[in-house]
């Protein structure tokens, strides 16, 4: 996946900040915030490792699980027309709305990872 760097099994999204002319990395799926900056890829790896190590050390000291837990539930707002089409598709295929949504998300998100 583009713009994602993996450091010790943790994912960080990388973006370029033109105002400071540096790349910014931000770890996702953490039980808190951890980011880092560098002007090149080698620097991103180095600074990302330092940022992650500091975050993990703080979690260890505080007895906190560093990884964020997810419930598997979220709300999505869609147009009434799309909702109607979703109900029709679910009924026509003998599936639940949830099954259709999970399949669609899986096909889109998982295939890109």
PDB file of N, CA and C in Angstrom:
ATOM      1  N   UNK A   1       0.852  -1.170   0.000  1.00  0.00           N
ATOM      2  CA  UNK A   1       0.000   0.000   0.000  1.00  0.00           C
ATOM      3  C   UNK A   1       0.898   1.233   0.000  1.00  0.00           C
ATOM      4  N   UNK A   2       0.534   2.219  -0.772  1.00  0.00           N
ATOM      5  CA  UNK A   2       1.316   3.438  -0.865  1.00  0.00           C
ATOM      6  C   UNK A   2       1.276   4.222   0.448  1.00  0.00           C
ATOM      7  N   UNK A   3       2.362   4.896   0.722  1.00  0.00           N
ATOM      8  CA  UNK A   3       2.461   5.807   1.857  1.00  0.00           C
ATOM      9  C   UNK A   3       2.335   5.134   3.218  1.00  0.00           C
ATOM     10  N   UNK A   4       2.640   3.831   3.287  1.00  0.00           N
ATOM     11  CA  UNK A   4       2.623   3.132   4.568  1.00  0.00           C
ATOM     12  C   UNK A   4       3.987   2.499   4.785  1.00  0.00           C
ATOM     13  N   UNK A   5       4.538   2.743   5.963  1.00  0.00           N
ATOM     14  CA  UNK A   5       5.831   2.180   6.337  1.00  0.00           C
ATOM     15  C   UNK A   5       5.609   1.282   7.544  1.00  0.00           C
ATOM     16  N   UNK A   6       6.166   0.085   7.509  1.00  0.00           N
ATOM     17  CA  UNK A   6       6.037  -0.847   8.627  1.00  0.00           C
ATOM     18  C   UNK A   6       7.342  -0.836   9.414  1.00  0.00           C
ATOM     19  N   UNK A   7       7.230  -0.612  10.715  1.00  0.00           N
ATOM     20  CA  UNK A   7       8.391  -0.607  11.605  1.00  0.00           C
ATOM     21  C   UNK A   7       8.075  -1.525  12.772  1.00  0.00           C
ATOM     22  N   UNK A   8       8.831  -2.603  12.892  1.00  0.00           N
ATOM     23  CA  UNK A   8       8.639  -3.587  13.964  1.00  0.00           C
ATOM     24  C   UNK A   8       7.195  -4.070  14.082  1.00  0.00           C
ATOM     25  N   UNK A   9       6.523  -4.239  12.952  1.00  0.00           N
ATOM     26  CA  UNK A   9       5.154  -4.745  12.956  1.00  0.00           C
ATOM     27  C   UNK A   9       4.091  -3.683  13.164  1.00  0.00           C
ATOM     28  N   UNK A  10       4.487  -2.437  13.282  1.00  0.00           N
ATOM     29  CA  UNK A  10       3.543  -1.332  13.456  1.00  0.00           C
ATOM     30  C   UNK A  10       3.513  -0.521  12.163  1.00  0.00           C
ATOM     31  N   UNK A  11       2.318  -0.097  11.730  1.00  0.00           N
ATOM     32  CA  UNK A  11       2.156   0.662  10.494  1.00  0.00           C
ATOM     33  C   UNK A  11       2.159   2.154  10.766  1.00  0.00           C
ATOM     34  N   UNK A  12       2.828   2.877   9.872  1.00  0.00           N
ATOM     35  CA  UNK A  12       2.838   4.335   9.939  1.00  0.00           C
ATOM     36  C   UNK A  12       2.477   4.872   8.564  1.00  0.00           C
ATOM     37  N   UNK A  13       1.589   5.846   8.535  1.00  0.00           N
ATOM     38  CA  UNK A  13       1.214   6.507   7.297  1.00  0.00           C
ATOM     39  C   UNK A  13       2.189   7.666   7.082  1.00  0.00           C
ATOM     40  N   UNK A  14       2.718   7.754   5.862  1.00  0.00           N
ATOM     41  CA  UNK A  14       3.710   8.770   5.529  1.00  0.00           C
ATOM     42  C   UNK A  14       3.101   9.790   4.572  1.00  0.00           C
ATOM     43  N   UNK A  15       3.280  11.069   4.892  1.00  0.00           N
ATOM     44  CA  UNK A  15       2.827  12.169   4.037  1.00  0.00           C
ATOM     45  C   UNK A  15       3.926  13.209   3.939  1.00  0.00           C
ATOM     46  N   UNK A  16       3.894  13.969   2.868  1.00  0.00           N
ATOM     47  CA  UNK A  16       4.862  15.047   2.693  1.00  0.00           C
ATOM     48  C   UNK A  16       4.229  16.351   3.146  1.00  0.00           C
ATOM     49  N   UNK A  17       4.954  17.123   3.949  1.00  0.00           N
ATOM     50  CA  UNK A  17       4.481  18.416   4.429  1.00  0.00           C
ATOM     51  C   UNK A  17       5.265  19.499   3.697  1.00  0.00           C
ATOM     52  N   UNK A  18       4.658  20.141   2.705  1.00  0.00           N
ATOM     53  CA  UNK A  18       5.390  21.138   1.917  1.00  0.00           C
ATOM     54  C   UNK A  18       5.774  22.386   2.713  1.00  0.00           C
ATOM     55  N   UNK A  19       5.058  22.680   3.780  1.00  0.00           N
ATOM     56  CA  UNK A  19       5.369  23.870   4.578  1.00  0.00           C
ATOM     57  C   UNK A  19       6.732  23.765   5.251  1.00  0.00           C
ATOM     58  N   UNK A  20       7.089  22.562   5.681  1.00  0.00           N
ATOM     59  CA  UNK A  20       8.388  22.379   6.336  1.00  0.00           C
ATOM     60  C   UNK A  20       9.346  21.566   5.471  1.00  0.00           C
ATOM     61  N   UNK A  21       8.865  21.189   4.284  1.00  0.00           N
ATOM     62  CA  UNK A  21       9.656  20.412   3.324  1.00  0.00           C
ATOM     63  C   UNK A  21      10.256  19.154   3.944  1.00  0.00           C
ATOM     64  N   UNK A  22       9.395  18.421   4.648  1.00  0.00           N
ATOM     65  CA  UNK A  22       9.800  17.159   5.268  1.00  0.00           C
ATOM     66  C   UNK A  22       8.666  16.154   5.145  1.00  0.00           C
ATOM     67  N   UNK A  23       9.036  14.887   5.300  1.00  0.00           N
ATOM     68  CA  UNK A  23       8.044  13.821   5.367  1.00  0.00           C
ATOM     69  C   UNK A  23       7.627  13.641   6.814  1.00  0.00           C
ATOM     70  N   UNK A  24       6.339  13.357   7.008  1.00  0.00           N
ATOM     71  CA  UNK A  24       5.814  13.115   8.353  1.00  0.00           C
ATOM     72  C   UNK A  24       5.248  11.710   8.387  1.00  0.00           C
ATOM     73  N   UNK A  25       5.647  10.962   9.398  1.00  0.00           N
ATOM     74  CA  UNK A  25       5.091   9.640   9.623  1.00  0.00           C
ATOM     75  C   UNK A  25       4.238   9.656  10.876  1.00  0.00           C
ATOM     76  N   UNK A  26       3.121   8.969  10.825  1.00  0.00           N
ATOM     77  CA  UNK A  26       2.251   8.864  12.001  1.00  0.00           C
ATOM     78  C   UNK A  26       1.811   7.412  12.142  1.00  0.00           C
ATOM     79  N   UNK A  27       2.112   6.823  13.290  1.00  0.00           N
ATOM     80  CA  UNK A  27       1.716   5.444  13.541  1.00  0.00           C
ATOM     81  C   UNK A  27       0.209   5.369  13.721  1.00  0.00           C
ATOM     82  N   UNK A  28      -0.371   4.325  13.153  1.00  0.00           N
ATOM     83  CA  UNK A  28      -1.806   4.101  13.284  1.00  0.00           C
ATOM     84  C   UNK A  28      -2.013   2.914  14.212  1.00  0.00           C
ATOM     85  N   UNK A  29      -3.213   2.758  14.680  1.00  0.00           N
ATOM     86  CA  UNK A  29      -3.599   1.609  15.511  1.00  0.00           C
ATOM     87  C   UNK A  29      -2.863   1.554  16.847  1.00  0.00           C
ATOM     88  N   UNK A  30      -2.423   2.704  17.318  1.00  0.00           N
ATOM     89  CA  UNK A  30      -1.793   2.763  18.637  1.00  0.00           C
ATOM     90  C   UNK A  30      -2.771   3.328  19.652  1.00  0.00           C
ATOM     91  N   UNK A  31      -2.540   3.011  20.891  1.00  0.00           N
ATOM     92  CA  UNK A  31      -3.351   3.502  21.993  1.00  0.00           C
ATOM     93  C   UNK A  31      -2.858   4.887  22.422  1.00  0.00           C
ATOM     94  N   UNK A  32      -2.584   5.732  21.463  1.00  0.00           N
ATOM     95  CA  UNK A  32      -2.049   7.063  21.696  1.00  0.00           C
ATOM     96  C   UNK A  32      -1.398   7.549  20.416  1.00  0.00           C
ATOM     97  N   UNK A  33      -0.746   8.679  20.491  1.00  0.00           N
ATOM     98  CA  UNK A  33      -0.147   9.258  19.294  1.00  0.00           C
ATOM     99  C   UNK A  33       1.359   9.113  19.274  1.00  0.00           C
ATOM    100  N   UNK A  34       1.893   8.810  18.095  1.00  0.00           N
ATOM    101  CA  UNK A  34       3.336   8.753  17.905  1.00  0.00           C
ATOM    102  C   UNK A  34       3.623   9.136  16.459  1.00  0.00           C
ATOM    103  N   UNK A  35       4.353  10.242  16.281  1.00  0.00           N
ATOM    104  CA  UNK A  35       4.696  10.658  14.935  1.00  0.00           C
ATOM    105  C   UNK A  35       6.178  10.977  14.840  1.00  0.00           C
ATOM    106  N   UNK A  36       6.644  11.222  13.625  1.00  0.00           N
ATOM    107  CA  UNK A  36       8.067  11.469  13.388  1.00  0.00           C
ATOM    108  C   UNK A  36       8.241  12.189  12.061  1.00  0.00           C
ATOM    109  N   UNK A  37       9.361  12.894  11.921  1.00  0.00           N
ATOM    110  CA  UNK A  37       9.656  13.685  10.734  1.00  0.00           C
ATOM    111  C   UNK A  37      11.057  13.381  10.233  1.00  0.00           C
ATOM    112  N   UNK A  38      11.228  13.459   8.905  1.00  0.00           N
ATOM    113  CA  UNK A  38      12.553  13.325   8.312  1.00  0.00           C
ATOM    114  C   UNK A  38      12.503  13.835   6.874  1.00  0.00           C
ATOM    115  N   UNK A  39      13.664  14.091   6.314  1.00  0.00           N
ATOM    116  CA  UNK A  39      13.729  14.615   4.950  1.00  0.00           C
ATOM    117  C   UNK A  39      13.965  13.529   3.912  1.00  0.00           C
ATOM    118  N   UNK A  40      14.227  12.286   4.359  1.00  0.00           N
ATOM    119  CA  UNK A  40      14.443  11.195   3.407  1.00  0.00           C
ATOM    120  C   UNK A  40      13.995   9.868   4.017  1.00  0.00           C
ATOM    121  N   UNK A  41      14.003   8.814   3.198  1.00  0.00           N
ATOM    122  CA  UNK A  41      13.507   7.505   3.632  1.00  0.00           C
ATOM    123  C   UNK A  41      14.354   6.931   4.764  1.00  0.00           C
ATOM    124  N   UNK A  42      15.660   7.018   4.633  1.00  0.00           N
ATOM    125  CA  UNK A  42      16.546   6.505   5.681  1.00  0.00           C
ATOM    126  C   UNK A  42      16.258   7.198   7.010  1.00  0.00           C
ATOM    127  N   UNK A  43      16.074   8.510   6.947  1.00  0.00           N
ATOM    128  CA  UNK A  43      15.749   9.277   8.151  1.00  0.00           C
ATOM    129  C   UNK A  43      14.397   8.898   8.726  1.00  0.00           C
ATOM    130  N   UNK A  44      13.427   8.609   7.845  1.00  0.00           N
ATOM    131  CA  UNK A  44      12.105   8.184   8.319  1.00  0.00           C
ATOM    132  C   UNK A  44      12.197   6.886   9.105  1.00  0.00           C
ATOM    133  N   UNK A  45      12.968   5.935   8.582  1.00  0.00           N
ATOM    134  CA  UNK A  45      13.141   4.672   9.307  1.00  0.00           C
ATOM    135  C   UNK A  45      13.782   4.916  10.675  1.00  0.00           C
ATOM    136  N   UNK A  46      14.814   5.719  10.708  1.00  0.00           N
ATOM    137  CA  UNK A  46      15.528   5.995  11.961  1.00  0.00           C
ATOM    138  C   UNK A  46      14.621   6.717  12.959  1.00  0.00           C
ATOM    139  N   UNK A  47      14.005   7.804  12.529  1.00  0.00           N
ATOM    140  CA  UNK A  47      13.146   8.595  13.421  1.00  0.00           C
ATOM    141  C   UNK A  47      11.896   7.824  13.827  1.00  0.00           C
ATOM    142  N   UNK A  48      11.364   7.015  12.897  1.00  0.00           N
ATOM    143  CA  UNK A  48      10.198   6.192  13.212  1.00  0.00           C
ATOM    144  C   UNK A  48      10.521   5.182  14.294  1.00  0.00           C
ATOM    145  N   UNK A  49      11.685   4.553  14.187  1.00  0.00           N
ATOM    146  CA  UNK A  49      12.115   3.577  15.191  1.00  0.00           C
ATOM    147  C   UNK A  49      12.270   4.242  16.557  1.00  0.00           C
ATOM    148  N   UNK A  50      12.882   5.430  16.578  1.00  0.00           N
ATOM    149  CA  UNK A  50      13.057   6.162  17.844  1.00  0.00           C
ATOM    150  C   UNK A  50      11.706   6.526  18.457  1.00  0.00           C
ATOM    151  N   UNK A  51      10.791   7.029  17.630  1.00  0.00           N
ATOM    152  CA  UNK A  51       9.468   7.424  18.109  1.00  0.00           C
ATOM    153  C   UNK A  51       8.702   6.219  18.644  1.00  0.00           C
ATOM    154  N   UNK A  52       8.746   5.117  17.904  1.00  0.00           N
ATOM    155  CA  UNK A  52       8.047   3.911  18.331  1.00  0.00           C
ATOM    156  C   UNK A  52       8.634   3.374  19.632  1.00  0.00           C
ATOM    157  N   UNK A  53       9.955   3.309  19.724  1.00  0.00           N
ATOM    158  CA  UNK A  53      10.594   2.816  20.949  1.00  0.00           C
ATOM    159  C   UNK A  53      10.195   3.649  22.162  1.00  0.00           C
ATOM    160  N   UNK A  54      10.161   4.982  21.989  1.00  0.00           N
ATOM    161  CA  UNK A  54       9.775   5.862  23.094  1.00  0.00           C
ATOM    162  C   UNK A  54       8.323   5.601  23.496  1.00  0.00           C
ATOM    163  N   UNK A  55       7.442   5.450  22.504  1.00  0.00           N
ATOM    164  CA  UNK A  55       6.031   5.186  22.778  1.00  0.00           C
ATOM    165  C   UNK A  55       5.863   3.860  23.514  1.00  0.00           C
ATOM    166  N   UNK A  56       6.532   2.810  23.023  1.00  0.00           N
ATOM    167  CA  UNK A  56       6.419   1.483  23.644  1.00  0.00           C
ATOM    168  C   UNK A  56       6.977   1.486  25.064  1.00  0.00           C
ATOM    169  N   UNK A  57       8.042   2.229  25.281  1.00  0.00           N
ATOM    170  CA  UNK A  57       8.628   2.332  26.624  1.00  0.00           C
ATOM    171  C   UNK A  57       7.645   3.004  27.586  1.00  0.00           C
ATOM    172  N   UNK A  58       6.997   4.074  27.125  1.00  0.00           N
ATOM    173  CA  UNK A  58       6.014   4.764  27.970  1.00  0.00           C
ATOM    174  C   UNK A  58       4.836   3.849  28.283  1.00  0.00           C
ATOM    175  N   UNK A  59       4.389   3.075  27.293  1.00  0.00           N
ATOM    176  CA  UNK A  59       3.288   2.134  27.521  1.00  0.00           C
ATOM    177  C   UNK A  59       3.686   1.089  28.548  1.00  0.00           C
ATOM    178  N   UNK A  60       4.903   0.599  28.441  1.00  0.00           N
ATOM    179  CA  UNK A  60       5.396  -0.411  29.374  1.00  0.00           C
ATOM    180  C   UNK A  60       5.448   0.142  30.798  1.00  0.00           C
ATOM    181  N   UNK A  61       5.947   1.356  30.928  1.00  0.00           N
ATOM    182  CA  UNK A  61       6.034   1.998  32.250  1.00  0.00           C
ATOM    183  C   UNK A  61       4.660   2.211  32.869  1.00  0.00           C
ATOM    184  N   UNK A  62       3.677   2.543  32.013  1.00  0.00           N
ATOM    185  CA  UNK A  62       2.320   2.830  32.498  1.00  0.00           C
ATOM    186  C   UNK A  62       1.419   1.600  32.531  1.00  0.00           C
ATOM    187  N   UNK A  63       1.930   0.459  32.067  1.00  0.00           N
ATOM    188  CA  UNK A  63       1.129  -0.763  32.046  1.00  0.00           C
ATOM    189  C   UNK A  63      -0.022  -0.705  31.051  1.00  0.00           C
ATOM    190  N   UNK A  64       0.210  -0.034  29.922  1.00  0.00           N
ATOM    191  CA  UNK A  64      -0.828   0.160  28.904  1.00  0.00           C
ATOM    192  C   UNK A  64      -0.514  -0.699  27.687  1.00  0.00           C
ATOM    193  N   UNK A  65      -1.537  -1.329  27.125  1.00  0.00           N
ATOM    194  CA  UNK A  65      -1.380  -2.073  25.878  1.00  0.00           C
ATOM    195  C   UNK A  65      -1.121  -1.060  24.763  1.00  0.00           C
ATOM    196  N   UNK A  66      -0.017  -1.179  24.026  1.00  0.00           N
ATOM    197  CA  UNK A  66       0.286  -0.179  23.008  1.00  0.00           C
ATOM    198  C   UNK A  66      -0.657  -0.213  21.801  1.00  0.00           C
ATOM    199  N   UNK A  67      -1.249  -1.358  21.522  1.00  0.00           N
ATOM    200  CA  UNK A  67      -2.131  -1.468  20.353  1.00  0.00           C
ATOM    201  C   UNK A  67      -3.568  -1.101  20.711  1.00  0.00           C
ATOM    202  N   UNK A  68      -4.182  -0.355  19.837  1.00  0.00           N
ATOM    203  CA  UNK A  68      -5.572   0.041  20.009  1.00  0.00           C
ATOM    204  C   UNK A  68      -6.468  -1.169  19.744  1.00  0.00           C
ATOM    205  N   UNK A  69      -7.498  -1.326  20.536  1.00  0.00           N
ATOM    206  CA  UNK A  69      -8.478  -2.400  20.340  1.00  0.00           C
ATOM    207  C   UNK A  69      -9.678  -1.843  19.585  1.00  0.00           C
ATOM    208  N   UNK A  70     -10.198  -2.645  18.671  1.00  0.00           N
ATOM    209  CA  UNK A  70     -11.355  -2.234  17.884  1.00  0.00           C
ATOM    210  C   UNK A  70     -12.527  -3.159  18.177  1.00  0.00           C
ATOM    211  N   UNK A  71     -13.725  -2.584  18.215  1.00  0.00           N
ATOM    212  CA  UNK A  71     -14.927  -3.355  18.536  1.00  0.00           C
ATOM    213  C   UNK A  71     -15.457  -4.130  17.332  1.00  0.00           C
ATOM    214  N   UNK A  72     -15.107  -3.694  16.129  1.00  0.00           N
ATOM    215  CA  UNK A  72     -15.669  -4.322  14.933  1.00  0.00           C
ATOM    216  C   UNK A  72     -16.989  -3.694  14.519  1.00  0.00           C
ATOM    217  N   UNK A  73     -17.365  -2.609  15.182  1.00  0.00           N
ATOM    218  CA  UNK A  73     -18.603  -1.913  14.859  1.00  0.00           C
ATOM    219  C   UNK A  73     -18.294  -0.467  14.497  1.00  0.00           C
ATOM    220  N   UNK A  74     -18.973   0.039  13.467  1.00  0.00           N
ATOM    221  CA  UNK A  74     -18.892   1.453  13.136  1.00  0.00           C
ATOM    222  C   UNK A  74     -20.137   1.835  12.349  1.00  0.00           C
ATOM    223  N   UNK A  75     -20.487   3.108  12.371  1.00  0.00           N
ATOM    224  CA  UNK A  75     -21.670   3.598  11.663  1.00  0.00           C
ATOM    225  C   UNK A  75     -21.236   4.219  10.346  1.00  0.00           C
ATOM    226  N   UNK A  76     -22.051   4.004   9.329  1.00  0.00           N
ATOM    227  CA  UNK A  76     -21.791   4.578   8.019  1.00  0.00           C
ATOM    228  C   UNK A  76     -23.043   5.317   7.571  1.00  0.00           C
ATOM    229  N   UNK A  77     -22.854   6.535   7.080  1.00  0.00           N
ATOM    230  CA  UNK A  77     -23.983   7.299   6.547  1.00  0.00           C
ATOM    231  C   UNK A  77     -23.935   7.214   5.023  1.00  0.00           C
ATOM    232  N   UNK A  78     -25.043   6.797   4.427  1.00  0.00           N
ATOM    233  CA  UNK A  78     -25.139   6.695   2.980  1.00  0.00           C
ATOM    234  C   UNK A  78     -26.432   7.356   2.524  1.00  0.00           C
ATOM    235  N   UNK A  79     -26.523   7.613   1.237  1.00  0.00           N
ATOM    236  CA  UNK A  79     -27.739   8.242   0.710  1.00  0.00           C
ATOM    237  C   UNK A  79     -28.904   7.253   0.792  1.00  0.00           C
ATOM    238  N   UNK A  80     -30.118   7.763   0.883  1.00  0.00           N
ATOM    239  CA  UNK A  80     -31.291   6.883   0.890  1.00  0.00           C
ATOM    240  C   UNK A  80     -31.342   5.999  -0.365  1.00  0.00           C
ATOM    241  N   UNK A  81     -30.905   6.519  -1.500  1.00  0.00           N
ATOM    242  CA  UNK A  81     -30.919   5.737  -2.742  1.00  0.00           C
ATOM    243  C   UNK A  81     -29.949   4.557  -2.659  1.00  0.00           C
ATOM    244  N   UNK A  82     -28.759   4.790  -2.115  1.00  0.00           N
ATOM    245  CA  UNK A  82     -27.795   3.705  -1.964  1.00  0.00           C
ATOM    246  C   UNK A  82     -28.296   2.684  -0.951  1.00  0.00           C
ATOM    247  N   UNK A  83     -28.925   3.165   0.120  1.00  0.00           N
ATOM    248  CA  UNK A  83     -29.500   2.281   1.126  1.00  0.00           C
ATOM    249  C   UNK A  83     -30.545   1.366   0.481  1.00  0.00           C
ATOM    250  N   UNK A  84     -31.397   1.950  -0.344  1.00  0.00           N
ATOM    251  CA  UNK A  84     -32.428   1.166  -1.029  1.00  0.00           C
ATOM    252  C   UNK A  84     -31.787   0.115  -1.940  1.00  0.00           C
ATOM    253  N   UNK A  85     -30.760   0.508  -2.672  1.00  0.00           N
ATOM    254  CA  UNK A  85     -30.066  -0.435  -3.560  1.00  0.00           C
ATOM    255  C   UNK A  85     -29.397  -1.547  -2.769  1.00  0.00           C
ATOM    256  N   UNK A  86     -28.862  -1.207  -1.618  1.00  0.00           N
ATOM    257  CA  UNK A  86     -28.217  -2.188  -0.753  1.00  0.00           C
ATOM    258  C   UNK A  86     -29.223  -3.219  -0.256  1.00  0.00           C
ATOM    259  N   UNK A  87     -30.383  -2.767   0.156  1.00  0.00           N
ATOM    260  CA  UNK A  87     -31.442  -3.676   0.609  1.00  0.00           C
ATOM    261  C   UNK A  87     -31.870  -4.595  -0.531  1.00  0.00           C
ATOM    262  N   UNK A  88     -32.032  -4.053  -1.725  1.00  0.00           N
ATOM    263  CA  UNK A  88     -32.416  -4.849  -2.883  1.00  0.00           C
ATOM    264  C   UNK A  88     -31.353  -5.900  -3.195  1.00  0.00           C
ATOM    265  N   UNK A  89     -30.088  -5.494  -3.209  1.00  0.00           N
ATOM    266  CA  UNK A  89     -28.978  -6.424  -3.487  1.00  0.00           C
ATOM    267  C   UNK A  89     -28.950  -7.534  -2.439  1.00  0.00           C
ATOM    268  N   UNK A  90     -29.093  -7.186  -1.173  1.00  0.00           N
ATOM    269  CA  UNK A  90     -29.079  -8.183  -0.099  1.00  0.00           C
ATOM    270  C   UNK A  90     -30.237  -9.167  -0.267  1.00  0.00           C
ATOM    271  N   UNK A  91     -31.411  -8.648  -0.522  1.00  0.00           N
ATOM    272  CA  UNK A  91     -32.585  -9.512  -0.690  1.00  0.00           C
ATOM    273  C   UNK A  91     -32.433 -10.426  -1.906  1.00  0.00           C
ATOM    274  N   UNK A  92     -31.938  -9.876  -3.000  1.00  0.00           N
ATOM    275  CA  UNK A  92     -31.815 -10.638  -4.245  1.00  0.00           C
ATOM    276  C   UNK A  92     -30.757 -11.731  -4.156  1.00  0.00           C
ATOM    277  N   UNK A  93     -29.767 -11.547  -3.301  1.00  0.00           N
ATOM    278  CA  UNK A  93     -28.694 -12.532  -3.178  1.00  0.00           C
ATOM    279  C   UNK A  93     -28.844 -13.431  -1.963  1.00  0.00           C
ATOM    280  N   UNK A  94     -29.886 -13.196  -1.159  1.00  0.00           N
ATOM    281  CA  UNK A  94     -30.106 -14.016   0.032  1.00  0.00           C
ATOM    282  C   UNK A  94     -29.092 -13.744   1.133  1.00  0.00           C
ATOM    283  N   UNK A  95     -28.532 -12.555   1.126  1.00  0.00           N
ATOM    284  CA  UNK A  95     -27.546 -12.182   2.145  1.00  0.00           C
ATOM    285  C   UNK A  95     -28.091 -11.044   2.989  1.00  0.00           C
ATOM    286  N   UNK A  96     -27.456 -10.838   4.135  1.00  0.00           N
ATOM    287  CA  UNK A  96     -27.827  -9.695   4.965  1.00  0.00           C
ATOM    288  C   UNK A  96     -27.108  -8.443   4.446  1.00  0.00           C
ATOM    289  N   UNK A  97     -27.628  -7.300   4.836  1.00  0.00           N
ATOM    290  CA  UNK A  97     -26.959  -6.043   4.499  1.00  0.00           C
ATOM    291  C   UNK A  97     -25.525  -6.073   5.033  1.00  0.00           C
ATOM    292  N   UNK A  98     -25.356  -6.563   6.240  1.00  0.00           N
ATOM    293  CA  UNK A  98     -24.027  -6.628   6.848  1.00  0.00           C
ATOM    294  C   UNK A  98     -23.081  -7.480   5.998  1.00  0.00           C
ATOM    295  N   UNK A  99     -23.554  -8.628   5.503  1.00  0.00           N
ATOM    296  CA  UNK A  99     -22.707  -9.488   4.677  1.00  0.00           C
ATOM    297  C   UNK A  99     -22.266  -8.769   3.401  1.00  0.00           C
ATOM    298  N   UNK A 100     -23.183  -8.054   2.764  1.00  0.00           N
ATOM    299  CA  UNK A 100     -22.855  -7.320   1.538  1.00  0.00           C
ATOM    300  C   UNK A 100     -21.801  -6.254   1.830  1.00  0.00           C
ATOM    301  N   UNK A 101     -21.980  -5.514   2.914  1.00  0.00           N
ATOM    302  CA  UNK A 101     -21.038  -4.450   3.268  1.00  0.00           C
ATOM    303  C   UNK A 101     -19.673  -5.032   3.610  1.00  0.00           C
ATOM    304  N   UNK A 102     -19.630  -6.094   4.397  1.00  0.00           N
ATOM    305  CA  UNK A 102     -18.360  -6.722   4.767  1.00  0.00           C
ATOM    306  C   UNK A 102     -17.636  -7.231   3.520  1.00  0.00           C
ATOM    307  N   UNK A 103     -18.360  -7.885   2.626  1.00  0.00           N
ATOM    308  CA  UNK A 103     -17.741  -8.378   1.386  1.00  0.00           C
ATOM    309  C   UNK A 103     -17.187  -7.233   0.553  1.00  0.00           C
ATOM    310  N   UNK A 104     -17.950  -6.149   0.444  1.00  0.00           N
ATOM    311  CA  UNK A 104     -17.513  -4.999  -0.353  1.00  0.00           C
ATOM    312  C   UNK A 104     -16.271  -4.349   0.240  1.00  0.00           C
ATOM    313  N   UNK A 105     -16.288  -4.162   1.548  1.00  0.00           N
ATOM    314  CA  UNK A 105     -15.126  -3.549   2.211  1.00  0.00           C
ATOM    315  C   UNK A 105     -13.914  -4.467   2.096  1.00  0.00           C
ATOM    316  N   UNK A 106     -14.112  -5.757   2.323  1.00  0.00           N
ATOM    317  CA  UNK A 106     -13.013  -6.713   2.216  1.00  0.00           C
ATOM    318  C   UNK A 106     -12.401  -6.697   0.823  1.00  0.00           C
ATOM    319  N   UNK A 107     -13.238  -6.689  -0.197  1.00  0.00           N
ATOM    320  CA  UNK A 107     -12.746  -6.681  -1.568  1.00  0.00           C
ATOM    321  C   UNK A 107     -11.979  -5.416  -1.893  1.00  0.00           C
ATOM    322  N   UNK A 108     -12.352  -4.303  -1.292  1.00  0.00           N
ATOM    323  CA  UNK A 108     -11.692  -3.040  -1.559  1.00  0.00           C
ATOM    324  C   UNK A 108     -10.458  -2.834  -0.695  1.00  0.00           C
ATOM    325  N   UNK A 109     -10.593  -3.004   0.594  1.00  0.00           N
ATOM    326  CA  UNK A 109      -9.515  -2.686   1.530  1.00  0.00           C
ATOM    327  C   UNK A 109      -8.462  -3.776   1.607  1.00  0.00           C
ATOM    328  N   UNK A 110      -8.870  -5.007   1.803  1.00  0.00           N
ATOM    329  CA  UNK A 110      -7.924  -6.098   1.990  1.00  0.00           C
ATOM    330  C   UNK A 110      -7.107  -6.339   0.724  1.00  0.00           C
ATOM    331  N   UNK A 111      -7.716  -6.200  -0.434  1.00  0.00           N
ATOM    332  CA  UNK A 111      -6.982  -6.443  -1.674  1.00  0.00           C
ATOM    333  C   UNK A 111      -5.875  -5.412  -1.894  1.00  0.00           C
ATOM    334  N   UNK A 112      -5.969  -4.243  -1.253  1.00  0.00           N
ATOM    335  CA  UNK A 112      -4.964  -3.199  -1.409  1.00  0.00           C
ATOM    336  C   UNK A 112      -3.821  -3.325  -0.420  1.00  0.00           C
ATOM    337  N   UNK A 113      -3.960  -4.176   0.601  1.00  0.00           N
ATOM    338  CA  UNK A 113      -2.917  -4.270   1.619  1.00  0.00           C
ATOM    339  C   UNK A 113      -1.764  -5.093   1.176  1.00  0.00           C
TER     340      UNK A 113
END
